[in-house]
Amino acid sequence: MEQKTNKMYLWLLGCLTVLGLTFTACEPGGGNDNSLTREQQQQAYQQVRGSYAGKTYYQRWSATDKKYVSDSSDVKWEILTDSTLTIKNFPMSLFADYVNDNALKEALKSAPNQDITCFTGYYNLSPVGFLLNPKTAVFELNYNKGSHKISIAFAGNSNYSFGFSKVKSVVAMQIIALSLQVDAMSENKLKGNVGFIFRGKTGVAPTPSPRK
């Protein structure tokens, strides 16, 4: 598990570099005192406030290549308050590639999209940097002749859960899924931690949430 996790982090770093999204100047936990005043936090928020459209980048299993390969999907998100960021209609079907349970895998392929609300904490003003604390995504999935509650938990307030903006109107960020549980108290169904990198531009219309 540790080896797979290390490979995933290396992939995230490589993907950030390829996309030109390195952020040495505002790296969370980098040892600098990046605490902001309330006024500075508001200034940082105002710089990134808006609705965004772009891509999320991840690794998926390729049956042809017999290995994980890089892929991407269209995605939108909103930063409309100074304490939250909402990823809109995130495709939960992507998690089908990261579980071994065949019945669960097939069910996840048709899982409904979900909004992911993330609490934000701004720690850098120039360039803007913020930590992300995603709420657990919870939804119902029918398989094995029954309805089951799926819970997907993410890393929060860590060096691997953050966002930043080095270019006006462009935000990049990443989140890490740590576990997928079926019903309460079940074991983690994920093969390992799953990373998603986002890059998008503002100036798009707000996206409605998925119907319950």
C-alpha atoms as a PDB file:
ATOM      1  CA  MET A   1       0.000   0.000   0.000  1.00  0.00           C
ATOM      2  CA  GLU A   2       2.794   2.443   0.926  1.00  0.00           C
ATOM      3  CA  GLN A   3       4.574   1.825  -2.402  1.00  0.00           C
ATOM      4  CA  LYS A   4       1.365   2.495  -4.361  1.00  0.00           C
ATOM      5  CA  THR A   5       0.774   5.663  -2.333  1.00  0.00           C
ATOM      6  CA  ASN A   6       4.300   6.929  -3.014  1.00  0.00           C
ATOM      7  CA  LYS A   7       3.857   6.260  -6.748  1.00  0.00           C
ATOM      8  CA  MET A   8       0.584   8.184  -6.680  1.00  0.00           C
ATOM      9  CA  TYR A   9       2.246  11.200  -5.036  1.00  0.00           C
ATOM     10  CA  LEU A  10       5.060  11.089  -7.607  1.00  0.00           C
ATOM     11  CA  TRP A  11       2.446  11.006 -10.369  1.00  0.00           C
ATOM     12  CA  LEU A  12       0.699  14.029  -8.847  1.00  0.00           C
ATOM     13  CA  LEU A  13       3.966  15.950  -8.707  1.00  0.00           C
ATOM     14  CA  GLY A  14       4.803  14.986 -12.288  1.00  0.00           C
ATOM     15  CA  CYS A  15       1.361  15.991 -13.510  1.00  0.00           C
ATOM     16  CA  LEU A  16       1.604  19.358 -11.781  1.00  0.00           C
ATOM     17  CA  THR A  17       4.982  19.955 -13.395  1.00  0.00           C
ATOM     18  CA  VAL A  18       3.804  18.987 -16.891  1.00  0.00           C
ATOM     19  CA  LEU A  19       0.812  21.306 -16.558  1.00  0.00           C
ATOM     20  CA  GLY A  20       3.047  24.132 -15.413  1.00  0.00           C
ATOM     21  CA  LEU A  21       1.378  24.172 -12.017  1.00  0.00           C
ATOM     22  CA  THR A  22       4.359  24.079  -9.695  1.00  0.00           C
ATOM     23  CA  PHE A  23       3.837  26.326  -6.704  1.00  0.00           C
ATOM     24  CA  THR A  24       7.070  26.543  -4.702  1.00  0.00           C
ATOM     25  CA  ALA A  25       6.280  30.094  -3.652  1.00  0.00           C
ATOM     26  CA  CYS A  26       3.076  29.104  -1.878  1.00  0.00           C
ATOM     27  CA  GLU A  27       3.602  25.477  -0.894  1.00  0.00           C
ATOM     28  CA  PRO A  28       1.614  24.656   2.271  1.00  0.00           C
ATOM     29  CA  GLY A  29       3.731  23.507   5.162  1.00  0.00           C
ATOM     30  CA  GLY A  30       6.887  24.762   3.495  1.00  0.00           C
ATOM     31  CA  GLY A  31       8.319  26.134   6.700  1.00  0.00           C
ATOM     32  CA  ASN A  32       7.474  29.795   6.054  1.00  0.00           C
ATOM     33  CA  ASP A  33       5.146  31.798   8.251  1.00  0.00           C
ATOM     34  CA  ASN A  34       2.316  32.303   5.762  1.00  0.00           C
ATOM     35  CA  SER A  35      -0.386  33.226   8.275  1.00  0.00           C
ATOM     36  CA  LEU A  36      -2.681  35.924   6.897  1.00  0.00           C
ATOM     37  CA  THR A  37      -4.728  38.557   8.644  1.00  0.00           C
ATOM     38  CA  ARG A  38      -8.495  38.431   8.191  1.00  0.00           C
ATOM     39  CA  GLU A  39      -8.228  41.315   5.727  1.00  0.00           C
ATOM     40  CA  GLN A  40      -5.560  39.497   3.707  1.00  0.00           C
ATOM     41  CA  GLN A  41      -7.678  36.331   3.649  1.00  0.00           C
ATOM     42  CA  GLN A  42     -10.527  38.367   2.176  1.00  0.00           C
ATOM     43  CA  GLN A  43      -8.181  39.839  -0.421  1.00  0.00           C
ATOM     44  CA  ALA A  44      -7.031  36.343  -1.389  1.00  0.00           C
ATOM     45  CA  TYR A  45     -10.626  35.116  -1.647  1.00  0.00           C
ATOM     46  CA  GLN A  46     -11.669  38.057  -3.842  1.00  0.00           C
ATOM     47  CA  GLN A  47      -8.840  37.230  -6.271  1.00  0.00           C
ATOM     48  CA  VAL A  48     -10.180  33.718  -6.920  1.00  0.00           C
ATOM     49  CA  ARG A  49     -13.911  34.255  -6.394  1.00  0.00           C
ATOM     50  CA  GLY A  50     -16.030  32.943  -9.273  1.00  0.00           C
ATOM     51  CA  SER A  51     -17.282  29.935 -11.233  1.00  0.00           C
ATOM     52  CA  TYR A  52     -14.685  27.776 -12.989  1.00  0.00           C
ATOM     53  CA  ALA A  53     -14.614  25.270 -15.843  1.00  0.00           C
ATOM     54  CA  GLY A  54     -11.700  23.026 -16.719  1.00  0.00           C
ATOM     55  CA  LYS A  55     -10.331  19.520 -16.331  1.00  0.00           C
ATOM     56  CA  THR A  56      -9.642  17.040 -13.583  1.00  0.00           C
ATOM     57  CA  TYR A  57      -6.624  14.796 -14.187  1.00  0.00           C
ATOM     58  CA  TYR A  58      -6.264  11.320 -12.709  1.00  0.00           C
ATOM     59  CA  GLN A  59      -5.022   7.811 -13.412  1.00  0.00           C
ATOM     60  CA  ARG A  60      -7.322   5.106 -14.755  1.00  0.00           C
ATOM     61  CA  TRP A  61      -6.789   1.421 -15.426  1.00  0.00           C
ATOM     62  CA  SER A  62      -6.157   0.585 -19.092  1.00  0.00           C
ATOM     63  CA  ALA A  63      -7.211  -2.949 -19.976  1.00  0.00           C
ATOM     64  CA  THR A  64      -5.218  -2.627 -23.204  1.00  0.00           C
ATOM     65  CA  ASP A  65      -1.971  -1.484 -21.599  1.00  0.00           C
ATOM     66  CA  LYS A  66      -2.508  -3.495 -18.399  1.00  0.00           C
ATOM     67  CA  LYS A  67      -1.506  -0.512 -16.285  1.00  0.00           C
ATOM     68  CA  TYR A  68      -2.744   2.830 -14.993  1.00  0.00           C
ATOM     69  CA  VAL A  69      -2.575   5.664 -17.532  1.00  0.00           C
ATOM     70  CA  SER A  70      -3.236   9.400 -17.228  1.00  0.00           C
ATOM     71  CA  ASP A  71      -6.687  10.629 -18.229  1.00  0.00           C
ATOM     72  CA  SER A  72      -8.932  13.655 -17.733  1.00  0.00           C
ATOM     73  CA  SER A  73     -12.589  14.653 -17.492  1.00  0.00           C
ATOM     74  CA  ASP A  74     -14.428  17.953 -17.821  1.00  0.00           C
ATOM     75  CA  VAL A  75     -15.325  19.489 -14.478  1.00  0.00           C
ATOM     76  CA  LYS A  76     -16.652  22.711 -12.970  1.00  0.00           C
ATOM     77  CA  TRP A  77     -16.346  24.248  -9.534  1.00  0.00           C
ATOM     78  CA  GLU A  78     -17.364  27.395  -7.690  1.00  0.00           C
ATOM     79  CA  ILE A  79     -15.687  29.652  -5.143  1.00  0.00           C
ATOM     80  CA  LEU A  80     -18.593  31.813  -4.005  1.00  0.00           C
ATOM     81  CA  THR A  81     -17.914  32.223  -0.272  1.00  0.00           C
ATOM     82  CA  ASP A  82     -14.731  32.959   1.660  1.00  0.00           C
ATOM     83  CA  SER A  83     -14.859  29.586   3.429  1.00  0.00           C
ATOM     84  CA  THR A  84     -16.039  27.055   0.834  1.00  0.00           C
ATOM     85  CA  LEU A  85     -15.314  25.718  -2.645  1.00  0.00           C
ATOM     86  CA  THR A  86     -17.801  23.400  -4.352  1.00  0.00           C
ATOM     87  CA  ILE A  87     -16.810  20.910  -7.047  1.00  0.00           C
ATOM     88  CA  LYS A  88     -19.952  20.482  -9.154  1.00  0.00           C
ATOM     89  CA  ASN A  89     -21.282  17.166 -10.440  1.00  0.00           C
ATOM     90  CA  PHE A  90     -18.069  15.257  -9.790  1.00  0.00           C
ATOM     91  CA  PRO A  91     -18.201  11.879 -11.640  1.00  0.00           C
ATOM     92  CA  MET A  92     -18.240   9.261  -8.881  1.00  0.00           C
ATOM     93  CA  SER A  93     -18.061   6.635 -11.638  1.00  0.00           C
ATOM     94  CA  LEU A  94     -14.303   7.307 -11.776  1.00  0.00           C
ATOM     95  CA  PHE A  95     -13.887   5.358  -8.542  1.00  0.00           C
ATOM     96  CA  ALA A  96     -14.844   2.121 -10.311  1.00  0.00           C
ATOM     97  CA  ASP A  97     -11.204   1.802 -11.395  1.00  0.00           C
ATOM     98  CA  TYR A  98      -9.962   1.817  -7.810  1.00  0.00           C
ATOM     99  CA  VAL A  99     -11.893  -1.041  -6.169  1.00  0.00           C
ATOM    100  CA  ASN A 100     -11.407  -4.809  -6.384  1.00  0.00           C
ATOM    101  CA  ASP A 101     -14.976  -5.853  -5.538  1.00  0.00           C
ATOM    102  CA  ASN A 102     -16.465  -6.695  -8.960  1.00  0.00           C
ATOM    103  CA  ALA A 103     -20.086  -6.080  -7.964  1.00  0.00           C
ATOM    104  CA  LEU A 104     -19.197  -2.712  -6.443  1.00  0.00           C
ATOM    105  CA  LYS A 105     -17.040  -1.866  -9.469  1.00  0.00           C
ATOM    106  CA  GLU A 106     -19.944  -2.423 -11.872  1.00  0.00           C
ATOM    107  CA  ALA A 107     -22.339  -0.444  -9.669  1.00  0.00           C
ATOM    108  CA  LEU A 108     -19.933   2.489  -9.411  1.00  0.00           C
ATOM    109  CA  LYS A 109     -19.737   2.737 -13.198  1.00  0.00           C
ATOM    110  CA  SER A 110     -23.302   4.091 -13.132  1.00  0.00           C
ATOM    111  CA  ALA A 111     -23.027   6.017  -9.850  1.00  0.00           C
ATOM    112  CA  PRO A 112     -24.698   9.444  -9.818  1.00  0.00           C
ATOM    113  CA  ASN A 113     -22.536  12.546 -10.012  1.00  0.00           C
ATOM    114  CA  GLN A 114     -22.146  14.404  -6.725  1.00  0.00           C
ATOM    115  CA  ASP A 115     -21.211  17.866  -5.551  1.00  0.00           C
ATOM    116  CA  ILE A 116     -18.150  17.884  -3.277  1.00  0.00           C
ATOM    117  CA  THR A 117     -18.094  20.769  -0.819  1.00  0.00           C
ATOM    118  CA  CYS A 118     -14.643  21.737   0.442  1.00  0.00           C
ATOM    119  CA  PHE A 119     -13.928  24.069   3.337  1.00  0.00           C
ATOM    120  CA  THR A 120     -11.133  26.497   2.476  1.00  0.00           C
ATOM    121  CA  GLY A 121      -8.440  28.249   4.480  1.00  0.00           C
ATOM    122  CA  TYR A 122      -6.345  30.909   2.761  1.00  0.00           C
ATOM    123  CA  TYR A 123      -2.683  30.917   3.787  1.00  0.00           C
ATOM    124  CA  ASN A 124      -0.939  32.897   1.013  1.00  0.00           C
ATOM    125  CA  LEU A 125      -1.797  36.125  -0.766  1.00  0.00           C
ATOM    126  CA  SER A 126       0.655  36.360  -3.669  1.00  0.00           C
ATOM    127  CA  PRO A 127       0.249  33.957  -5.300  1.00  0.00           C
ATOM    128  CA  VAL A 128      -3.057  32.984  -3.728  1.00  0.00           C
ATOM    129  CA  GLY A 129      -2.852  29.684  -1.873  1.00  0.00           C
ATOM    130  CA  PHE A 130      -5.516  27.867   0.122  1.00  0.00           C
ATOM    131  CA  LEU A 131      -5.912  24.574   1.935  1.00  0.00           C
ATOM    132  CA  LEU A 132      -8.866  22.333   1.130  1.00  0.00           C
ATOM    133  CA  ASN A 133     -10.866  20.223   3.551  1.00  0.00           C
ATOM    134  CA  PRO A 134     -13.361  18.242   1.415  1.00  0.00           C
ATOM    135  CA  LYS A 135     -16.461  16.902   3.121  1.00  0.00           C
ATOM    136  CA  THR A 136     -17.108  13.173   2.808  1.00  0.00           C
ATOM    137  CA  ALA A 137     -19.150  12.400  -0.307  1.00  0.00           C
ATOM    138  CA  VAL A 138     -22.176  10.262   0.586  1.00  0.00           C
ATOM    139  CA  PHE A 139     -24.662   8.730  -1.849  1.00  0.00           C
ATOM    140  CA  GLU A 140     -26.864   5.668  -2.318  1.00  0.00           C
ATOM    141  CA  LEU A 141     -25.984   2.840  -4.688  1.00  0.00           C
ATOM    142  CA  ASN A 142     -28.138  -0.156  -5.562  1.00  0.00           C
ATOM    143  CA  TYR A 143     -26.368  -3.471  -6.120  1.00  0.00           C
ATOM    144  CA  ASN A 144     -26.322  -7.008  -4.720  1.00  0.00           C
ATOM    145  CA  LYS A 145     -30.116  -6.836  -4.380  1.00  0.00           C
ATOM    146  CA  GLY A 146     -30.054  -3.922  -1.977  1.00  0.00           C
ATOM    147  CA  SER A 147     -29.464  -0.230  -1.399  1.00  0.00           C
ATOM    148  CA  HIS A 148     -26.118   0.706   0.142  1.00  0.00           C
ATOM    149  CA  LYS A 149     -24.698   3.968   1.473  1.00  0.00           C
ATOM    150  CA  ILE A 150     -21.381   4.826  -0.170  1.00  0.00           C
ATOM    151  CA  SER A 151     -19.045   7.155   1.736  1.00  0.00           C
ATOM    152  CA  ILE A 152     -15.871   8.528   0.145  1.00  0.00           C
ATOM    153  CA  ALA A 153     -13.524  10.386   2.503  1.00  0.00           C
ATOM    154  CA  PHE A 154     -10.772  12.778   1.426  1.00  0.00           C
ATOM    155  CA  ALA A 155      -7.584  14.153   2.952  1.00  0.00           C
ATOM    156  CA  GLY A 156      -8.143  17.549   4.545  1.00  0.00           C
ATOM    157  CA  ASN A 157      -5.865  20.442   5.482  1.00  0.00           C
ATOM    158  CA  SER A 158      -2.757  18.585   4.348  1.00  0.00           C
ATOM    159  CA  ASN A 159       0.134  19.270   1.978  1.00  0.00           C
ATOM    160  CA  TYR A 160      -1.718  17.169  -0.609  1.00  0.00           C
ATOM    161  CA  SER A 161      -5.087  18.937  -0.343  1.00  0.00           C
ATOM    162  CA  PHE A 162      -4.745  22.513  -1.570  1.00  0.00           C
ATOM    163  CA  GLY A 163      -5.409  25.041  -4.298  1.00  0.00           C
ATOM    164  CA  PHE A 164      -3.574  28.032  -5.721  1.00  0.00           C
ATOM    165  CA  SER A 165      -3.709  30.712  -8.393  1.00  0.00           C
ATOM    166  CA  LYS A 166      -0.520  31.994 -10.017  1.00  0.00           C
ATOM    167  CA  VAL A 167      -2.297  33.445 -13.070  1.00  0.00           C
ATOM    168  CA  LYS A 168      -5.343  35.719 -12.928  1.00  0.00           C
ATOM    169  CA  SER A 169      -8.640  33.852 -13.505  1.00  0.00           C
ATOM    170  CA  VAL A 170      -6.887  30.438 -13.391  1.00  0.00           C
ATOM    171  CA  VAL A 171      -7.047  28.117 -10.377  1.00  0.00           C
ATOM    172  CA  ALA A 172      -5.332  24.762  -9.914  1.00  0.00           C
ATOM    173  CA  MET A 173      -5.901  22.374  -7.022  1.00  0.00           C
ATOM    174  CA  GLN A 174      -5.754  18.763  -5.969  1.00  0.00           C
ATOM    175  CA  ILE A 175      -7.642  16.469  -3.607  1.00  0.00           C
ATOM    176  CA  ILE A 176      -6.842  12.972  -2.361  1.00  0.00           C
ATOM    177  CA  ALA A 177      -9.480  10.288  -1.737  1.00  0.00           C
ATOM    178  CA  LEU A 178      -8.442   8.150   1.232  1.00  0.00           C
ATOM    179  CA  SER A 179     -11.259   5.649   1.636  1.00  0.00           C
ATOM    180  CA  LEU A 180     -14.472   4.288   0.159  1.00  0.00           C
ATOM    181  CA  GLN A 181     -16.844   2.533   2.543  1.00  0.00           C
ATOM    182  CA  VAL A 182     -20.028   0.610   1.841  1.00  0.00           C
ATOM    183  CA  ASP A 183     -22.468   1.177   4.714  1.00  0.00           C
ATOM    184  CA  ALA A 184     -21.255   2.154   8.163  1.00  0.00           C
ATOM    185  CA  MET A 185     -18.119   0.642   9.685  1.00  0.00           C
ATOM    186  CA  SER A 186     -17.121  -1.409   6.632  1.00  0.00           C
ATOM    187  CA  GLU A 187     -13.516  -1.817   5.518  1.00  0.00           C
ATOM    188  CA  ASN A 188     -11.899   0.557   3.042  1.00  0.00           C
ATOM    189  CA  LYS A 189     -12.697  -0.657  -0.485  1.00  0.00           C
ATOM    190  CA  LEU A 190     -10.100   1.498  -2.264  1.00  0.00           C
ATOM    191  CA  LYS A 191      -6.930  -0.196  -3.503  1.00  0.00           C
ATOM    192  CA  GLY A 192      -4.964   2.855  -2.353  1.00  0.00           C
ATOM    193  CA  ASN A 193      -5.179   6.634  -2.115  1.00  0.00           C
ATOM    194  CA  VAL A 194      -6.574   8.293  -5.248  1.00  0.00           C
ATOM    195  CA  GLY A 195      -5.396  11.722  -6.409  1.00  0.00           C
ATOM    196  CA  PHE A 196      -7.253  14.218  -8.602  1.00  0.00           C
ATOM    197  CA  ILE A 197      -5.676  17.382 -10.030  1.00  0.00           C
ATOM    198  CA  PHE A 198      -7.860  20.256 -11.260  1.00  0.00           C
ATOM    199  CA  ARG A 199      -7.113  23.192 -13.523  1.00  0.00           C
ATOM    200  CA  GLY A 200      -9.711  25.645 -14.744  1.00  0.00           C
ATOM    201  CA  LYS A 201     -10.583  29.216 -15.694  1.00  0.00           C
ATOM    202  CA  THR A 202     -13.249  31.487 -14.286  1.00  0.00           C
ATOM    203  CA  GLY A 203     -15.954  33.352 -16.168  1.00  0.00           C
ATOM    204  CA  VAL A 204     -18.465  30.508 -16.627  1.00  0.00           C
ATOM    205  CA  ALA A 205     -22.112  30.322 -15.595  1.00  0.00           C
ATOM    206  CA  PRO A 206     -22.890  28.631 -12.246  1.00  0.00           C
ATOM    207  CA  THR A 207     -23.707  24.916 -12.461  1.00  0.00           C
ATOM    208  CA  PRO A 208     -26.858  23.477 -10.826  1.00  0.00           C
ATOM    209  CA  SER A 209     -26.360  20.724  -8.270  1.00  0.00           C
ATOM    210  CA  PRO A 210     -27.333  17.144  -9.193  1.00  0.00           C
ATOM    211  CA  ARG A 211     -30.894  16.160  -8.382  1.00  0.00           C
ATOM    212  CA  LYS A 212     -31.353  14.070  -5.248  1.00  0.00           C
END
